[in-house]
PDB file of N, CA and C in Angstrom:
ATOM      1  N   MET A   1       0.824  -1.192   0.000  1.00  0.00           N
ATOM      2  CA  MET A   1       0.000   0.000   0.000  1.00  0.00           C
ATOM      3  C   MET A   1       0.871   1.260   0.000  1.00  0.00           C
ATOM      4  N   LYS A   2       1.911   1.264   0.819  1.00  0.00           N
ATOM      5  CA  LYS A   2       2.787   2.425   0.910  1.00  0.00           C
ATOM      6  C   LYS A   2       3.497   2.678  -0.421  1.00  0.00           C
ATOM      7  N   ASP A   3       3.917   1.594  -1.121  1.00  0.00           N
ATOM      8  CA  ASP A   3       4.596   1.749  -2.408  1.00  0.00           C
ATOM      9  C   ASP A   3       3.683   2.405  -3.438  1.00  0.00           C
ATOM     10  N   LYS A   4       2.407   2.031  -3.457  1.00  0.00           N
ATOM     11  CA  LYS A   4       1.470   2.637  -4.399  1.00  0.00           C
ATOM     12  C   LYS A   4       1.327   4.122  -4.130  1.00  0.00           C
ATOM     13  N   LYS A   5       1.246   4.486  -2.858  1.00  0.00           N
ATOM     14  CA  LYS A   5       1.101   5.886  -2.502  1.00  0.00           C
ATOM     15  C   LYS A   5       2.314   6.684  -2.961  1.00  0.00           C
ATOM     16  N   MET A   6       3.493   6.137  -2.787  1.00  0.00           N
ATOM     17  CA  MET A   6       4.718   6.825  -3.194  1.00  0.00           C
ATOM     18  C   MET A   6       4.754   7.023  -4.705  1.00  0.00           C
ATOM     19  N   LYS A   7       4.270   6.054  -5.473  1.00  0.00           N
ATOM     20  CA  LYS A   7       4.281   6.164  -6.932  1.00  0.00           C
ATOM     21  C   LYS A   7       3.348   7.259  -7.416  1.00  0.00           C
ATOM     22  N   ASN A   8       2.258   7.508  -6.688  1.00  0.00           N
ATOM     23  CA  ASN A   8       1.259   8.463  -7.138  1.00  0.00           C
ATOM     24  C   ASN A   8       1.444   9.869  -6.593  1.00  0.00           C
ATOM     25  N   GLU A   9       2.523  10.120  -5.883  1.00  0.00           N
ATOM     26  CA  GLU A   9       2.765  11.464  -5.380  1.00  0.00           C
ATOM     27  C   GLU A   9       3.222  12.375  -6.509  1.00  0.00           C
ATOM     28  N   LYS A  10       2.639  13.567  -6.544  1.00  0.00           N
ATOM     29  CA  LYS A  10       3.003  14.522  -7.586  1.00  0.00           C
ATOM     30  C   LYS A  10       4.358  15.150  -7.285  1.00  0.00           C
ATOM     31  N   GLN A  11       5.074  15.431  -8.333  1.00  0.00           N
ATOM     32  CA  GLN A  11       6.390  16.051  -8.232  1.00  0.00           C
ATOM     33  C   GLN A  11       6.387  17.318  -9.071  1.00  0.00           C
ATOM     34  N   ASP A  12       7.366  18.165  -8.849  1.00  0.00           N
ATOM     35  CA  ASP A  12       7.507  19.402  -9.612  1.00  0.00           C
ATOM     36  C   ASP A  12       8.439  19.165 -10.795  1.00  0.00           C
ATOM     37  N   PHE A  13       8.069  19.732 -11.945  1.00  0.00           N
ATOM     38  CA  PHE A  13       8.862  19.613 -13.159  1.00  0.00           C
ATOM     39  C   PHE A  13       9.001  20.981 -13.801  1.00  0.00           C
ATOM     40  N   ILE A  14      10.070  21.150 -14.557  1.00  0.00           N
ATOM     41  CA  ILE A  14      10.282  22.349 -15.357  1.00  0.00           C
ATOM     42  C   ILE A  14      10.204  21.927 -16.813  1.00  0.00           C
ATOM     43  N   VAL A  15       9.281  22.537 -17.550  1.00  0.00           N
ATOM     44  CA  VAL A  15       9.117  22.252 -18.977  1.00  0.00           C
ATOM     45  C   VAL A  15       9.722  23.419 -19.738  1.00  0.00           C
ATOM     46  N   THR A  16      10.661  23.129 -20.629  1.00  0.00           N
ATOM     47  CA  THR A  16      11.271  24.154 -21.464  1.00  0.00           C
ATOM     48  C   THR A  16      10.752  23.968 -22.877  1.00  0.00           C
ATOM     49  N   THR A  17      10.233  25.046 -23.464  1.00  0.00           N
ATOM     50  CA  THR A  17       9.714  24.970 -24.827  1.00  0.00           C
ATOM     51  C   THR A  17      10.842  25.245 -25.819  1.00  0.00           C
ATOM     52  N   THR A  18      10.550  25.043 -27.097  1.00  0.00           N
ATOM     53  CA  THR A  18      11.579  25.216 -28.129  1.00  0.00           C
ATOM     54  C   THR A  18      12.052  26.659 -28.244  1.00  0.00           C
ATOM     55  N   ASN A  19      11.227  27.634 -27.808  1.00  0.00           N
ATOM     56  CA  ASN A  19      11.677  29.025 -27.866  1.00  0.00           C
ATOM     57  C   ASN A  19      12.410  29.455 -26.588  1.00  0.00           C
ATOM     58  N   GLY A  20      12.598  28.519 -25.638  1.00  0.00           N
ATOM     59  CA  GLY A  20      13.377  28.794 -24.433  1.00  0.00           C
ATOM     60  C   GLY A  20      12.576  29.198 -23.208  1.00  0.00           C
ATOM     61  N   THR A  21      11.262  29.321 -23.332  1.00  0.00           N
ATOM     62  CA  THR A  21      10.427  29.682 -22.190  1.00  0.00           C
ATOM     63  C   THR A  21      10.331  28.502 -21.240  1.00  0.00           C
ATOM     64  N   ARG A  22      10.416  28.800 -19.937  1.00  0.00           N
ATOM     65  CA  ARG A  22      10.339  27.739 -18.927  1.00  0.00           C
ATOM     66  C   ARG A  22       9.015  27.846 -18.191  1.00  0.00           C
ATOM     67  N   TRP A  23       8.363  26.699 -17.983  1.00  0.00           N
ATOM     68  CA  TRP A  23       7.065  26.633 -17.324  1.00  0.00           C
ATOM     69  C   TRP A  23       7.131  25.609 -16.198  1.00  0.00           C
ATOM     70  N   ALA A  24       6.420  25.876 -15.121  1.00  0.00           N
ATOM     71  CA  ALA A  24       6.335  24.932 -14.008  1.00  0.00           C
ATOM     72  C   ALA A  24       5.127  24.031 -14.226  1.00  0.00           C
ATOM     73  N   GLU A  25       5.290  22.750 -13.984  1.00  0.00           N
ATOM     74  CA  GLU A  25       4.208  21.770 -14.074  1.00  0.00           C
ATOM     75  C   GLU A  25       4.348  20.819 -12.899  1.00  0.00           C
ATOM     76  N   THR A  26       3.251  20.185 -12.517  1.00  0.00           N
ATOM     77  CA  THR A  26       3.302  19.125 -11.520  1.00  0.00           C
ATOM     78  C   THR A  26       2.682  17.884 -12.123  1.00  0.00           C
ATOM     79  N   GLY A  27       3.197  16.743 -11.739  1.00  0.00           N
ATOM     80  CA  GLY A  27       2.682  15.481 -12.244  1.00  0.00           C
ATOM     81  C   GLY A  27       3.357  14.318 -11.565  1.00  0.00           C
ATOM     82  N   VAL A  28       2.863  13.137 -11.893  1.00  0.00           N
ATOM     83  CA  VAL A  28       3.397  11.910 -11.317  1.00  0.00           C
ATOM     84  C   VAL A  28       4.630  11.444 -12.087  1.00  0.00           C
ATOM     85  N   SER A  29       4.653  11.703 -13.401  1.00  0.00           N
ATOM     86  CA  SER A  29       5.757  11.211 -14.224  1.00  0.00           C
ATOM     87  C   SER A  29       6.042  12.190 -15.365  1.00  0.00           C
ATOM     88  N   PHE A  30       7.164  11.964 -16.026  1.00  0.00           N
ATOM     89  CA  PHE A  30       7.515  12.773 -17.184  1.00  0.00           C
ATOM     90  C   PHE A  30       6.445  12.642 -18.269  1.00  0.00           C
ATOM     91  N   GLY A  31       5.951  11.420 -18.474  1.00  0.00           N
ATOM     92  CA  GLY A  31       4.928  11.174 -19.487  1.00  0.00           C
ATOM     93  C   GLY A  31       3.649  11.937 -19.208  1.00  0.00           C
ATOM     94  N   GLN A  32       3.220  11.953 -17.956  1.00  0.00           N
ATOM     95  CA  GLN A  32       2.005  12.674 -17.612  1.00  0.00           C
ATOM     96  C   GLN A  32       2.185  14.170 -17.848  1.00  0.00           C
ATOM     97  N   VAL A  33       3.332  14.702 -17.482  1.00  0.00           N
ATOM     98  CA  VAL A  33       3.598  16.120 -17.689  1.00  0.00           C
ATOM     99  C   VAL A  33       3.588  16.430 -19.182  1.00  0.00           C
ATOM    100  N   ARG A  34       4.191  15.578 -19.977  1.00  0.00           N
ATOM    101  CA  ARG A  34       4.213  15.776 -21.432  1.00  0.00           C
ATOM    102  C   ARG A  34       2.788  15.773 -21.995  1.00  0.00           C
ATOM    103  N   ARG A  35       1.950  14.854 -21.507  1.00  0.00           N
ATOM    104  CA  ARG A  35       0.568  14.758 -22.000  1.00  0.00           C
ATOM    105  C   ARG A  35      -0.293  15.937 -21.560  1.00  0.00           C
ATOM    106  N   GLN A  36      -0.108  16.422 -20.326  1.00  0.00           N
ATOM    107  CA  GLN A  36      -0.996  17.451 -19.793  1.00  0.00           C
ATOM    108  C   GLN A  36      -0.503  18.873 -20.029  1.00  0.00           C
ATOM    109  N   PHE A  37       0.655  19.084 -20.621  1.00  0.00           N
ATOM    110  CA  PHE A  37       1.211  20.425 -20.802  1.00  0.00           C
ATOM    111  C   PHE A  37       0.237  21.290 -21.608  1.00  0.00           C
ATOM    112  N   PHE A  38      -0.176  22.407 -21.009  1.00  0.00           N
ATOM    113  CA  PHE A  38      -1.193  23.257 -21.615  1.00  0.00           C
ATOM    114  C   PHE A  38      -0.742  23.891 -22.927  1.00  0.00           C
ATOM    115  N   GLY A  39       0.536  24.106 -23.084  1.00  0.00           N
ATOM    116  CA  GLY A  39       1.057  24.793 -24.258  1.00  0.00           C
ATOM    117  C   GLY A  39       0.821  24.066 -25.569  1.00  0.00           C
ATOM    118  N   LYS A  40       0.633  22.755 -25.496  1.00  0.00           N
ATOM    119  CA  LYS A  40       0.368  21.999 -26.726  1.00  0.00           C
ATOM    120  C   LYS A  40      -0.911  22.475 -27.392  1.00  0.00           C
ATOM    121  N   LYS A  41      -1.870  22.946 -26.596  1.00  0.00           N
ATOM    122  CA  LYS A  41      -3.151  23.399 -27.140  1.00  0.00           C
ATOM    123  C   LYS A  41      -3.016  24.670 -27.969  1.00  0.00           C
ATOM    124  N   ILE A  42      -1.971  25.436 -27.713  1.00  0.00           N
ATOM    125  CA  ILE A  42      -1.771  26.681 -28.456  1.00  0.00           C
ATOM    126  C   ILE A  42      -0.537  26.615 -29.361  1.00  0.00           C
ATOM    127  N   GLY A  43      -0.043  25.409 -29.598  1.00  0.00           N
ATOM    128  CA  GLY A  43       1.032  25.221 -30.560  1.00  0.00           C
ATOM    129  C   GLY A  43       2.450  25.231 -30.022  1.00  0.00           C
ATOM    130  N   MET A  44       2.635  25.267 -28.706  1.00  0.00           N
ATOM    131  CA  MET A  44       3.990  25.241 -28.146  1.00  0.00           C
ATOM    132  C   MET A  44       4.547  23.826 -28.218  1.00  0.00           C
ATOM    133  N   LYS A  45       5.818  23.720 -28.498  1.00  0.00           N
ATOM    134  CA  LYS A  45       6.474  22.424 -28.558  1.00  0.00           C
ATOM    135  C   LYS A  45       7.461  22.296 -27.399  1.00  0.00           C
ATOM    136  N   ILE A  46       7.503  21.104 -26.800  1.00  0.00           N
ATOM    137  CA  ILE A  46       8.362  20.848 -25.648  1.00  0.00           C
ATOM    138  C   ILE A  46       9.767  20.493 -26.135  1.00  0.00           C
ATOM    139  N   ALA A  47      10.767  21.182 -25.606  1.00  0.00           N
ATOM    140  CA  ALA A  47      12.157  20.881 -25.921  1.00  0.00           C
ATOM    141  C   ALA A  47      12.772  19.983 -24.853  1.00  0.00           C
ATOM    142  N   ASN A  48      12.386  20.214 -23.580  1.00  0.00           N
ATOM    143  CA  ASN A  48      13.002  19.480 -22.489  1.00  0.00           C
ATOM    144  C   ASN A  48      12.082  19.479 -21.270  1.00  0.00           C
ATOM    145  N   ILE A  49      12.121  18.378 -20.521  1.00  0.00           N
ATOM    146  CA  ILE A  49      11.422  18.289 -19.244  1.00  0.00           C
ATOM    147  C   ILE A  49      12.429  17.795 -18.218  1.00  0.00           C
ATOM    148  N   GLU A  50      12.484  18.472 -17.071  1.00  0.00           N
ATOM    149  CA  GLU A  50      13.393  18.053 -16.009  1.00  0.00           C
ATOM    150  C   GLU A  50      12.705  18.200 -14.661  1.00  0.00           C
ATOM    151  N   ARG A  51      13.141  17.428 -13.694  1.00  0.00           N
ATOM    152  CA  ARG A  51      12.608  17.551 -12.337  1.00  0.00           C
ATOM    153  C   ARG A  51      13.181  18.810 -11.704  1.00  0.00           C
ATOM    154  N   GLY A  52      12.345  19.493 -10.949  1.00  0.00           N
ATOM    155  CA  GLY A  52      12.822  20.680 -10.247  1.00  0.00           C
ATOM    156  C   GLY A  52      11.726  21.707 -10.112  1.00  0.00           C
ATOM    157  N   ARG A  53      12.052  22.781  -9.428  1.00  0.00           N
ATOM    158  CA  ARG A  53      11.122  23.886  -9.197  1.00  0.00           C
ATOM    159  C   ARG A  53      11.676  25.140  -9.854  1.00  0.00           C
ATOM    160  N   LEU A  54      10.785  25.958 -10.391  1.00  0.00           N
ATOM    161  CA  LEU A  54      11.214  27.239 -10.942  1.00  0.00           C
ATOM    162  C   LEU A  54      11.619  28.197  -9.830  1.00  0.00           C
ATOM    163  N   PHE A  55      10.872  28.189  -8.731  1.00  0.00           N
ATOM    164  CA  PHE A  55      11.139  29.080  -7.608  1.00  0.00           C
ATOM    165  C   PHE A  55      11.204  28.281  -6.322  1.00  0.00           C
ATOM    166  N   THR A  56      11.972  28.761  -5.362  1.00  0.00           N
ATOM    167  CA  THR A  56      12.006  28.137  -4.043  1.00  0.00           C
ATOM    168  C   THR A  56      10.700  28.480  -3.324  1.00  0.00           C
ATOM    169  N   HIS A  57      10.437  27.800  -2.224  1.00  0.00           N
ATOM    170  CA  HIS A  57       9.231  28.079  -1.445  1.00  0.00           C
ATOM    171  C   HIS A  57       9.228  29.526  -0.949  1.00  0.00           C
ATOM    172  N   GLU A  58      10.387  30.034  -0.560  1.00  0.00           N
ATOM    173  CA  GLU A  58      10.493  31.413  -0.080  1.00  0.00           C
ATOM    174  C   GLU A  58      10.185  32.406  -1.199  1.00  0.00           C
ATOM    175  N   GLU A  59      10.725  32.142  -2.401  1.00  0.00           N
ATOM    176  CA  GLU A  59      10.458  33.029  -3.535  1.00  0.00           C
ATOM    177  C   GLU A  59       8.978  33.019  -3.903  1.00  0.00           C
ATOM    178  N   GLU A  60       8.348  31.851  -3.868  1.00  0.00           N
ATOM    179  CA  GLU A  60       6.919  31.766  -4.155  1.00  0.00           C
ATOM    180  C   GLU A  60       6.108  32.551  -3.137  1.00  0.00           C
ATOM    181  N   ALA A  61       6.475  32.471  -1.860  1.00  0.00           N
ATOM    182  CA  ALA A  61       5.770  33.220  -0.822  1.00  0.00           C
ATOM    183  C   ALA A  61       5.929  34.719  -1.042  1.00  0.00           C
ATOM    184  N   GLU A  62       7.122  35.157  -1.408  1.00  0.00           N
ATOM    185  CA  GLU A  62       7.372  36.571  -1.675  1.00  0.00           C
ATOM    186  C   GLU A  62       6.554  37.053  -2.881  1.00  0.00           C
ATOM    187  N   LEU A  63       6.518  36.256  -3.939  1.00  0.00           N
ATOM    188  CA  LEU A  63       5.720  36.614  -5.120  1.00  0.00           C
ATOM    189  C   LEU A  63       4.242  36.708  -4.769  1.00  0.00           C
ATOM    190  N   LYS A  64       3.773  35.805  -3.926  1.00  0.00           N
ATOM    191  CA  LYS A  64       2.368  35.828  -3.504  1.00  0.00           C
ATOM    192  C   LYS A  64       2.075  37.085  -2.700  1.00  0.00           C
ATOM    193  N   ARG A  65       2.980  37.473  -1.791  1.00  0.00           N
ATOM    194  CA  ARG A  65       2.796  38.695  -1.002  1.00  0.00           C
ATOM    195  C   ARG A  65       2.744  39.924  -1.914  1.00  0.00           C
ATOM    196  N   GLU A  66       3.648  39.984  -2.888  1.00  0.00           N
ATOM    197  CA  GLU A  66       3.657  41.110  -3.821  1.00  0.00           C
ATOM    198  C   GLU A  66       2.365  41.165  -4.624  1.00  0.00           C
ATOM    199  N   LYS A  67       1.905  40.015  -5.065  1.00  0.00           N
ATOM    200  CA  LYS A  67       0.655  39.944  -5.843  1.00  0.00           C
ATOM    201  C   LYS A  67      -0.524  40.404  -4.988  1.00  0.00           C
ATOM    202  N   ASP A  68      -0.582  39.955  -3.739  1.00  0.00           N
ATOM    203  CA  ASP A  68      -1.656  40.358  -2.835  1.00  0.00           C
ATOM    204  C   ASP A  68      -1.619  41.865  -2.581  1.00  0.00           C
ATOM    205  N   LYS A  69      -0.413  42.428  -2.433  1.00  0.00           N
ATOM    206  CA  LYS A  69      -0.271  43.853  -2.199  1.00  0.00           C
ATOM    207  C   LYS A  69      -0.780  44.657  -3.416  1.00  0.00           C
ATOM    208  N   GLU A  70      -0.427  44.212  -4.610  1.00  0.00           N
ATOM    209  CA  GLU A  70      -0.875  44.884  -5.825  1.00  0.00           C
ATOM    210  C   GLU A  70      -2.393  44.774  -6.008  1.00  0.00           C
ATOM    211  N   ARG A  71      -2.936  43.653  -5.621  1.00  0.00           N
ATOM    212  CA  ARG A  71      -4.378  43.424  -5.761  1.00  0.00           C
ATOM    213  C   ARG A  71      -5.171  44.364  -4.854  1.00  0.00           C
ATOM    214  N   CYS A  72      -4.602  44.750  -3.711  1.00  0.00           N
ATOM    215  CA  CYS A  72      -5.289  45.626  -2.755  1.00  0.00           C
ATOM    216  C   CYS A  72      -5.263  47.098  -3.170  1.00  0.00           C
ATOM    217  N   ARG A  73      -4.436  47.459  -4.098  1.00  0.00           N
ATOM    218  CA  ARG A  73      -4.325  48.880  -4.519  1.00  0.00           C
ATOM    219  C   ARG A  73      -5.486  49.310  -5.346  1.00  0.00           C
TER     220      ARG A  73
END
């Protein structure tokens, strides 16, 4: 049971498109990320997929605070 749970945990991935833009995605596997990548719907092509995060947890929290501050103005 524990092994199944570990297999289904989502991980963070970085998807790089052919024009060099980097996007954050979450998924269980590289294949799932490739299938669910939203950019395919608008013609973006995937150049590379790697495990990792675009921003650290601290950077994400800071970006969220800035966004909330701008929203209140």
